Amino acid sequence: MRTIWKILLVCSCISCHSNAENKNKVVVPKIIKKSLPSTKNKKTDTLLSSVMEFVDYNDDGDYFSLSAKKKDKMFSFINDGNSDRSLLRGDLIEINWKKDSISIAGDGETKVQAERIVSVKKLKDGHVSLFRKNYPTALKYTWPQEEQYSKSYLDKLYTLTEYYIANSGNTLLKQQIKTKGELSYSIEKQRRQNKEYVLIGIATINDQHAETVQWLYFDNEEDLLYEYDLPQDRLVKFN
């Protein structure tokens, strides 16, 4: 009898001990996993960085933005936290940004993904910056007063024309810049093949005589600039 009770007691203890071990193995790891979630892979915590070519600022919308390009690909960044506006088109910059979201006004405050700038550093002068250093005289321009262009739009056309002049291969323009002669341009609307453009006529001024040496067509809708090829009577996209 004593032998039988010993056997039963030992079996009972082994069973209890085995159940306790199984309980620990199954339940405890699950609790630890749930209570200690990992946050290392969150996209919002990741700082991204790249070297790009500055294009322009846009402070007219609900969110201030900065545009830049890498090779032929364009990028747009939320630029609310950056008050500096000294960059000129073509400057080489290093941009640090993070993934974020913004609310679309008038759309039920719908959230959309966006890239928000953390910092911007200029690395090298572009052609426009070098042009301003070598040619400090401001460009003069005229436009039909009945058009009533806003200052921001006239500024846009100014920087666009300046960008063309700084990067143009036109020999007459390059000679005028070299001698620091006067440059001006005119602005008017022009229809071509049933499409409306802004026509920009760049002129050199010598001895009070203005001579238009290059016509440009600007497509407002597509934000594209074209050189006018007079001999071929065609528009050539200018990058």
C-alpha atoms as a PDB file:
ATOM      1  CA  MET A   1       0.000   0.000   0.000  1.00  0.00           C
ATOM      2  CA  ARG A   2       2.761   2.408   0.902  1.00  0.00           C
ATOM      3  CA  THR A   3       4.427   1.673  -2.423  1.00  0.00           C
ATOM      4  CA  ILE A   4       1.191   2.393  -4.315  1.00  0.00           C
ATOM      5  CA  TRP A   5       0.677   5.740  -2.516  1.00  0.00           C
ATOM      6  CA  LYS A   6       4.261   6.769  -3.247  1.00  0.00           C
ATOM      7  CA  ILE A   7       3.746   6.041  -6.914  1.00  0.00           C
ATOM      8  CA  LEU A   8       0.496   8.032  -7.027  1.00  0.00           C
ATOM      9  CA  LEU A   9       2.105  10.954  -5.190  1.00  0.00           C
ATOM     10  CA  VAL A  10       5.061  11.087  -7.541  1.00  0.00           C
ATOM     11  CA  CYS A  11       2.837  10.924 -10.637  1.00  0.00           C
ATOM     12  CA  SER A  12       0.661  13.698  -9.269  1.00  0.00           C
ATOM     13  CA  CYS A  13       3.654  15.957  -8.652  1.00  0.00           C
ATOM     14  CA  ILE A  14       5.071  15.292 -12.104  1.00  0.00           C
ATOM     15  CA  SER A  15       1.693  16.123 -13.683  1.00  0.00           C
ATOM     16  CA  CYS A  16       1.394  19.400 -11.765  1.00  0.00           C
ATOM     17  CA  HIS A  17       4.969  20.382 -12.560  1.00  0.00           C
ATOM     18  CA  SER A  18       4.459  19.579 -16.272  1.00  0.00           C
ATOM     19  CA  ASN A  19       1.264  21.664 -16.450  1.00  0.00           C
ATOM     20  CA  ALA A  20       3.040  24.607 -14.822  1.00  0.00           C
ATOM     21  CA  GLU A  21       5.862  24.440 -17.354  1.00  0.00           C
ATOM     22  CA  ASN A  22       3.444  24.242 -20.302  1.00  0.00           C
ATOM     23  CA  LYS A  23       1.483  27.175 -18.958  1.00  0.00           C
ATOM     24  CA  ASN A  24       4.620  29.297 -18.710  1.00  0.00           C
ATOM     25  CA  LYS A  25       5.814  28.345 -22.157  1.00  0.00           C
ATOM     26  CA  VAL A  26       2.526  29.176 -23.905  1.00  0.00           C
ATOM     27  CA  VAL A  27       1.166  32.230 -22.091  1.00  0.00           C
ATOM     28  CA  VAL A  28       4.110  34.294 -20.895  1.00  0.00           C
ATOM     29  CA  PRO A  29       5.794  34.949 -24.296  1.00  0.00           C
ATOM     30  CA  LYS A  30       2.498  36.188 -25.758  1.00  0.00           C
ATOM     31  CA  ILE A  31       2.019  38.755 -22.989  1.00  0.00           C
ATOM     32  CA  ILE A  32       5.572  40.080 -23.344  1.00  0.00           C
ATOM     33  CA  LYS A  33       5.234  40.428 -27.108  1.00  0.00           C
ATOM     34  CA  LYS A  34       2.050  42.480 -26.845  1.00  0.00           C
ATOM     35  CA  SER A  35       3.289  44.745 -24.086  1.00  0.00           C
ATOM     36  CA  LEU A  36       6.584  45.618 -25.774  1.00  0.00           C
ATOM     37  CA  PRO A  37       5.789  46.612 -29.387  1.00  0.00           C
ATOM     38  CA  SER A  38       8.696  47.674 -31.591  1.00  0.00           C
ATOM     39  CA  THR A  39       8.749  51.241 -33.005  1.00  0.00           C
ATOM     40  CA  LYS A  40      12.081  51.077 -34.806  1.00  0.00           C
ATOM     41  CA  ASN A  41      10.531  50.633 -38.240  1.00  0.00           C
ATOM     42  CA  LYS A  42       8.133  53.577 -38.116  1.00  0.00           C
ATOM     43  CA  LYS A  43       8.481  55.653 -41.328  1.00  0.00           C
ATOM     44  CA  THR A  44       7.681  58.887 -39.469  1.00  0.00           C
ATOM     45  CA  ASP A  45      10.814  58.404 -37.318  1.00  0.00           C
ATOM     46  CA  THR A  46      13.125  58.051 -40.337  1.00  0.00           C
ATOM     47  CA  LEU A  47      15.111  61.070 -41.546  1.00  0.00           C
ATOM     48  CA  LEU A  48      15.658  60.997 -45.315  1.00  0.00           C
ATOM     49  CA  SER A  49      18.353  62.924 -47.174  1.00  0.00           C
ATOM     50  CA  SER A  50      19.328  63.628 -50.787  1.00  0.00           C
ATOM     51  CA  VAL A  51      21.292  66.086 -52.942  1.00  0.00           C
ATOM     52  CA  MET A  52      19.038  67.839 -55.488  1.00  0.00           C
ATOM     53  CA  GLU A  53      18.764  70.890 -57.724  1.00  0.00           C
ATOM     54  CA  PHE A  54      16.576  73.671 -56.334  1.00  0.00           C
ATOM     55  CA  VAL A  55      13.683  74.752 -58.575  1.00  0.00           C
ATOM     56  CA  ASP A  56      11.453  77.224 -56.702  1.00  0.00           C
ATOM     57  CA  TYR A  57       9.427  78.227 -53.644  1.00  0.00           C
ATOM     58  CA  ASN A  58       5.634  78.376 -53.569  1.00  0.00           C
ATOM     59  CA  ASP A  59       4.144  80.377 -50.685  1.00  0.00           C
ATOM     60  CA  ASP A  60       0.699  80.955 -52.223  1.00  0.00           C
ATOM     61  CA  GLY A  61      -1.089  77.798 -51.048  1.00  0.00           C
ATOM     62  CA  ASP A  62      -2.362  76.511 -47.705  1.00  0.00           C
ATOM     63  CA  TYR A  63       1.107  75.083 -47.093  1.00  0.00           C
ATOM     64  CA  PHE A  64       4.409  76.692 -48.086  1.00  0.00           C
ATOM     65  CA  SER A  65       6.331  74.371 -50.382  1.00  0.00           C
ATOM     66  CA  LEU A  66       9.734  73.936 -52.001  1.00  0.00           C
ATOM     67  CA  SER A  67      10.321  72.187 -55.330  1.00  0.00           C
ATOM     68  CA  ALA A  68      13.532  70.462 -56.323  1.00  0.00           C
ATOM     69  CA  LYS A  69      14.581  67.938 -58.935  1.00  0.00           C
ATOM     70  CA  LYS A  70      16.975  65.044 -59.189  1.00  0.00           C
ATOM     71  CA  LYS A  71      17.901  64.250 -62.767  1.00  0.00           C
ATOM     72  CA  ASP A  72      14.531  64.601 -64.545  1.00  0.00           C
ATOM     73  CA  LYS A  73      12.302  63.757 -61.570  1.00  0.00           C
ATOM     74  CA  MET A  74      10.521  66.552 -59.682  1.00  0.00           C
ATOM     75  CA  PHE A  75       9.919  66.540 -55.909  1.00  0.00           C
ATOM     76  CA  SER A  76       7.725  68.772 -53.747  1.00  0.00           C
ATOM     77  CA  PHE A  77       8.287  69.291 -50.014  1.00  0.00           C
ATOM     78  CA  ILE A  78       6.283  71.039 -47.274  1.00  0.00           C
ATOM     79  CA  ASN A  79       8.422  74.035 -46.314  1.00  0.00           C
ATOM     80  CA  ASP A  80       6.479  75.621 -43.420  1.00  0.00           C
ATOM     81  CA  GLY A  81       9.307  75.497 -40.891  1.00  0.00           C
ATOM     82  CA  ASN A  82      11.909  77.168 -43.124  1.00  0.00           C
ATOM     83  CA  SER A  83      11.868  80.987 -43.500  1.00  0.00           C
ATOM     84  CA  ASP A  84      14.954  81.285 -45.744  1.00  0.00           C
ATOM     85  CA  ARG A  85      14.165  82.278 -49.352  1.00  0.00           C
ATOM     86  CA  SER A  86      17.700  82.904 -50.624  1.00  0.00           C
ATOM     87  CA  LEU A  87      18.020  79.889 -52.927  1.00  0.00           C
ATOM     88  CA  LEU A  88      17.956  80.459 -56.679  1.00  0.00           C
ATOM     89  CA  ARG A  89      16.930  78.015 -59.367  1.00  0.00           C
ATOM     90  CA  GLY A  90      19.717  75.606 -60.239  1.00  0.00           C
ATOM     91  CA  ASP A  91      21.505  75.816 -56.864  1.00  0.00           C
ATOM     92  CA  LEU A  92      22.749  72.445 -55.649  1.00  0.00           C
ATOM     93  CA  ILE A  93      21.264  71.668 -52.226  1.00  0.00           C
ATOM     94  CA  GLU A  94      21.152  68.937 -49.611  1.00  0.00           C
ATOM     95  CA  ILE A  95      17.606  68.341 -48.316  1.00  0.00           C
ATOM     96  CA  ASN A  96      16.761  66.476 -45.115  1.00  0.00           C
ATOM     97  CA  TRP A  97      13.104  65.554 -44.706  1.00  0.00           C
ATOM     98  CA  LYS A  98      10.725  63.149 -43.007  1.00  0.00           C
ATOM     99  CA  LYS A  99       7.464  61.459 -43.925  1.00  0.00           C
ATOM    100  CA  ASP A 100       4.430  63.329 -42.602  1.00  0.00           C
ATOM    101  CA  SER A 101       0.814  64.080 -43.472  1.00  0.00           C
ATOM    102  CA  ILE A 102      -1.186  67.235 -44.241  1.00  0.00           C
ATOM    103  CA  SER A 103      -4.895  68.063 -44.332  1.00  0.00           C
ATOM    104  CA  ILE A 104      -6.528  68.999 -47.633  1.00  0.00           C
ATOM    105  CA  ALA A 105      -8.660  72.132 -47.130  1.00  0.00           C
ATOM    106  CA  GLY A 106     -12.250  71.859 -48.353  1.00  0.00           C
ATOM    107  CA  ASP A 107     -12.066  68.082 -48.564  1.00  0.00           C
ATOM    108  CA  GLY A 108     -13.310  67.189 -45.095  1.00  0.00           C
ATOM    109  CA  GLU A 109      -9.798  67.705 -43.707  1.00  0.00           C
ATOM    110  CA  THR A 110      -8.673  64.536 -45.482  1.00  0.00           C
ATOM    111  CA  LYS A 111      -5.139  63.515 -44.539  1.00  0.00           C
ATOM    112  CA  VAL A 112      -2.643  62.844 -47.317  1.00  0.00           C
ATOM    113  CA  GLN A 113       0.975  61.775 -47.167  1.00  0.00           C
ATOM    114  CA  ALA A 114       3.607  64.495 -47.575  1.00  0.00           C
ATOM    115  CA  GLU A 115       7.334  65.070 -47.211  1.00  0.00           C
ATOM    116  CA  ARG A 116       8.167  67.775 -44.650  1.00  0.00           C
ATOM    117  CA  ILE A 117      11.551  69.541 -44.757  1.00  0.00           C
ATOM    118  CA  VAL A 118      13.712  69.339 -41.638  1.00  0.00           C
ATOM    119  CA  SER A 119      16.693  71.281 -43.043  1.00  0.00           C
ATOM    120  CA  VAL A 120      18.135  72.582 -46.324  1.00  0.00           C
ATOM    121  CA  LYS A 121      21.800  73.319 -47.000  1.00  0.00           C
ATOM    122  CA  LYS A 122      23.204  74.983 -50.114  1.00  0.00           C
ATOM    123  CA  LEU A 123      26.197  73.115 -51.518  1.00  0.00           C
ATOM    124  CA  LYS A 124      27.005  74.965 -54.755  1.00  0.00           C
ATOM    125  CA  ASP A 125      25.925  77.989 -56.804  1.00  0.00           C
ATOM    126  CA  GLY A 126      23.811  77.268 -59.859  1.00  0.00           C
ATOM    127  CA  HIS A 127      23.902  79.229 -63.118  1.00  0.00           C
ATOM    128  CA  VAL A 128      21.432  81.874 -61.889  1.00  0.00           C
ATOM    129  CA  SER A 129      23.471  82.578 -58.747  1.00  0.00           C
ATOM    130  CA  LEU A 130      26.623  82.897 -60.860  1.00  0.00           C
ATOM    131  CA  PHE A 131      24.745  85.089 -63.368  1.00  0.00           C
ATOM    132  CA  ARG A 132      23.705  87.534 -60.630  1.00  0.00           C
ATOM    133  CA  LYS A 133      27.260  87.745 -59.341  1.00  0.00           C
ATOM    134  CA  ASN A 134      28.646  88.487 -62.819  1.00  0.00           C
ATOM    135  CA  TYR A 135      25.719  90.599 -64.017  1.00  0.00           C
ATOM    136  CA  PRO A 136      24.386  92.616 -61.042  1.00  0.00           C
ATOM    137  CA  THR A 137      22.043  94.843 -63.103  1.00  0.00           C
ATOM    138  CA  ALA A 138      18.343  93.988 -62.720  1.00  0.00           C
ATOM    139  CA  LEU A 139      16.426  93.088 -65.868  1.00  0.00           C
ATOM    140  CA  LYS A 140      13.861  95.616 -67.102  1.00  0.00           C
ATOM    141  CA  TYR A 141      10.493  94.471 -68.419  1.00  0.00           C
ATOM    142  CA  THR A 142       7.214  95.783 -69.805  1.00  0.00           C
ATOM    143  CA  TRP A 143       3.689  94.360 -70.071  1.00  0.00           C
ATOM    144  CA  PRO A 144       0.235  95.582 -71.156  1.00  0.00           C
ATOM    145  CA  GLN A 145      -1.233  97.370 -68.148  1.00  0.00           C
ATOM    146  CA  GLU A 146      -4.728  96.075 -68.858  1.00  0.00           C
ATOM    147  CA  GLU A 147      -3.555  92.561 -67.981  1.00  0.00           C
ATOM    148  CA  GLN A 148      -3.210  93.517 -64.291  1.00  0.00           C
ATOM    149  CA  TYR A 149      -0.713  90.777 -63.469  1.00  0.00           C
ATOM    150  CA  SER A 150      -0.100  90.211 -59.761  1.00  0.00           C
ATOM    151  CA  LYS A 151       3.325  90.947 -58.300  1.00  0.00           C
ATOM    152  CA  SER A 152       3.856  87.264 -57.495  1.00  0.00           C
ATOM    153  CA  TYR A 153       3.135  86.318 -61.119  1.00  0.00           C
ATOM    154  CA  LEU A 154       5.462  89.014 -62.477  1.00  0.00           C
ATOM    155  CA  ASP A 155       8.132  87.753 -60.072  1.00  0.00           C
ATOM    156  CA  LYS A 156       7.602  84.233 -61.402  1.00  0.00           C
ATOM    157  CA  LEU A 157       8.081  85.399 -65.001  1.00  0.00           C
ATOM    158  CA  TYR A 158      11.158  87.384 -63.940  1.00  0.00           C
ATOM    159  CA  THR A 159      12.874  84.373 -62.367  1.00  0.00           C
ATOM    160  CA  LEU A 160      11.850  82.224 -65.335  1.00  0.00           C
ATOM    161  CA  THR A 161      13.359  84.698 -67.840  1.00  0.00           C
ATOM    162  CA  GLU A 162      16.463  85.129 -65.696  1.00  0.00           C
ATOM    163  CA  TYR A 163      16.855  81.349 -65.555  1.00  0.00           C
ATOM    164  CA  TYR A 164      16.690  81.161 -69.355  1.00  0.00           C
ATOM    165  CA  ILE A 165      19.235  83.961 -69.834  1.00  0.00           C
ATOM    166  CA  ALA A 166      21.639  82.385 -67.314  1.00  0.00           C
ATOM    167  CA  ASN A 167      21.488  79.006 -69.102  1.00  0.00           C
ATOM    168  CA  SER A 168      20.990  80.070 -72.715  1.00  0.00           C
ATOM    169  CA  GLY A 169      23.378  79.260 -75.522  1.00  0.00           C
ATOM    170  CA  ASN A 170      22.245  82.323 -77.525  1.00  0.00           C
ATOM    171  CA  THR A 171      25.486  84.006 -78.632  1.00  0.00           C
ATOM    172  CA  LEU A 172      23.984  87.520 -78.679  1.00  0.00           C
ATOM    173  CA  LEU A 173      22.770  87.162 -75.104  1.00  0.00           C
ATOM    174  CA  LYS A 174      26.101  85.742 -73.957  1.00  0.00           C
ATOM    175  CA  GLN A 175      27.955  88.650 -75.556  1.00  0.00           C
ATOM    176  CA  GLN A 176      25.642  91.183 -73.900  1.00  0.00           C
ATOM    177  CA  ILE A 177      26.226  89.565 -70.516  1.00  0.00           C
ATOM    178  CA  LYS A 178      29.984  89.542 -71.065  1.00  0.00           C
ATOM    179  CA  THR A 179      30.046  93.270 -71.829  1.00  0.00           C
ATOM    180  CA  LYS A 180      27.441  93.940 -69.100  1.00  0.00           C
ATOM    181  CA  GLY A 181      25.156  95.576 -71.638  1.00  0.00           C
ATOM    182  CA  GLU A 182      21.510  96.267 -70.821  1.00  0.00           C
ATOM    183  CA  LEU A 183      18.896  93.531 -71.143  1.00  0.00           C
ATOM    184  CA  SER A 184      15.118  93.785 -71.093  1.00  0.00           C
ATOM    185  CA  TYR A 185      12.059  91.720 -71.982  1.00  0.00           C
ATOM    186  CA  SER A 186       8.427  92.173 -72.905  1.00  0.00           C
ATOM    187  CA  ILE A 187       5.398  90.165 -71.754  1.00  0.00           C
ATOM    188  CA  GLU A 188       2.223  89.566 -73.761  1.00  0.00           C
ATOM    189  CA  LYS A 189      -0.371  86.895 -74.457  1.00  0.00           C
ATOM    190  CA  GLN A 190      -0.077  84.847 -77.627  1.00  0.00           C
ATOM    191  CA  ARG A 191      -2.195  82.092 -79.165  1.00  0.00           C
ATOM    192  CA  ARG A 192      -0.489  79.363 -81.125  1.00  0.00           C
ATOM    193  CA  GLN A 193      -2.256  76.322 -82.560  1.00  0.00           C
ATOM    194  CA  ASN A 194      -5.362  77.044 -80.490  1.00  0.00           C
ATOM    195  CA  LYS A 195      -3.411  77.230 -77.231  1.00  0.00           C
ATOM    196  CA  GLU A 196      -2.708  80.331 -75.170  1.00  0.00           C
ATOM    197  CA  TYR A 197       0.835  81.116 -74.066  1.00  0.00           C
ATOM    198  CA  VAL A 198       2.685  83.965 -72.394  1.00  0.00           C
ATOM    199  CA  LEU A 199       5.080  85.340 -75.004  1.00  0.00           C
ATOM    200  CA  ILE A 200       8.369  86.713 -73.641  1.00  0.00           C
ATOM    201  CA  GLY A 201      10.611  88.735 -75.952  1.00  0.00           C
ATOM    202  CA  ILE A 202      14.183  89.157 -74.675  1.00  0.00           C
ATOM    203  CA  ALA A 203      15.998  92.175 -76.085  1.00  0.00           C
ATOM    204  CA  THR A 204      19.482  93.642 -75.992  1.00  0.00           C
ATOM    205  CA  ILE A 205      19.722  97.440 -75.646  1.00  0.00           C
ATOM    206  CA  ASN A 206      22.613  99.293 -77.268  1.00  0.00           C
ATOM    207  CA  ASP A 207      22.717 103.056 -77.877  1.00  0.00           C
ATOM    208  CA  GLN A 208      19.077 103.301 -76.769  1.00  0.00           C
ATOM    209  CA  HIS A 209      18.099 100.817 -79.471  1.00  0.00           C
ATOM    210  CA  ALA A 210      16.342  97.587 -78.420  1.00  0.00           C
ATOM    211  CA  GLU A 211      16.634  94.451 -80.510  1.00  0.00           C
ATOM    212  CA  THR A 212      14.699  91.312 -79.684  1.00  0.00           C
ATOM    213  CA  VAL A 213      17.128  88.407 -79.903  1.00  0.00           C
ATOM    214  CA  GLN A 214      15.010  85.571 -78.463  1.00  0.00           C
ATOM    215  CA  TRP A 215      11.313  84.722 -78.133  1.00  0.00           C
ATOM    216  CA  LEU A 216      10.072  82.402 -75.390  1.00  0.00           C
ATOM    217  CA  TYR A 217       6.675  80.755 -74.998  1.00  0.00           C
ATOM    218  CA  PHE A 218       5.511  79.911 -71.484  1.00  0.00           C
ATOM    219  CA  ASP A 219       2.727  77.365 -70.985  1.00  0.00           C
ATOM    220  CA  ASN A 220       0.946  78.348 -67.758  1.00  0.00           C
ATOM    221  CA  GLU A 221      -1.110  75.188 -67.511  1.00  0.00           C
ATOM    222  CA  GLU A 222       1.822  72.791 -67.809  1.00  0.00           C
ATOM    223  CA  ASP A 223       4.410  75.163 -66.294  1.00  0.00           C
ATOM    224  CA  LEU A 224       6.696  74.603 -69.295  1.00  0.00           C
ATOM    225  CA  LEU A 225       9.027  77.018 -71.072  1.00  0.00           C
ATOM    226  CA  TYR A 226       9.783  76.841 -74.800  1.00  0.00           C
ATOM    227  CA  GLU A 227      12.308  78.538 -77.063  1.00  0.00           C
ATOM    228  CA  TYR A 228      10.938  79.714 -80.375  1.00  0.00           C
ATOM    229  CA  ASP A 229      12.915  78.335 -83.304  1.00  0.00           C
ATOM    230  CA  LEU A 230      12.325  81.011 -85.965  1.00  0.00           C
ATOM    231  CA  PRO A 231      13.813  79.203 -89.014  1.00  0.00           C
ATOM    232  CA  GLN A 232      11.755  76.051 -88.292  1.00  0.00           C
ATOM    233  CA  ASP A 233       8.751  77.914 -86.877  1.00  0.00           C
ATOM    234  CA  ARG A 234       8.514  75.514 -83.948  1.00  0.00           C
ATOM    235  CA  LEU A 235       8.677  75.445 -80.151  1.00  0.00           C
ATOM    236  CA  VAL A 236      11.544  73.659 -78.426  1.00  0.00           C
ATOM    237  CA  LYS A 237      11.117  72.751 -74.748  1.00  0.00           C
ATOM    238  CA  PHE A 238      13.734  74.382 -72.543  1.00  0.00           C
ATOM    239  CA  ASN A 239      14.783  72.465 -69.426  1.00  0.00           C
END
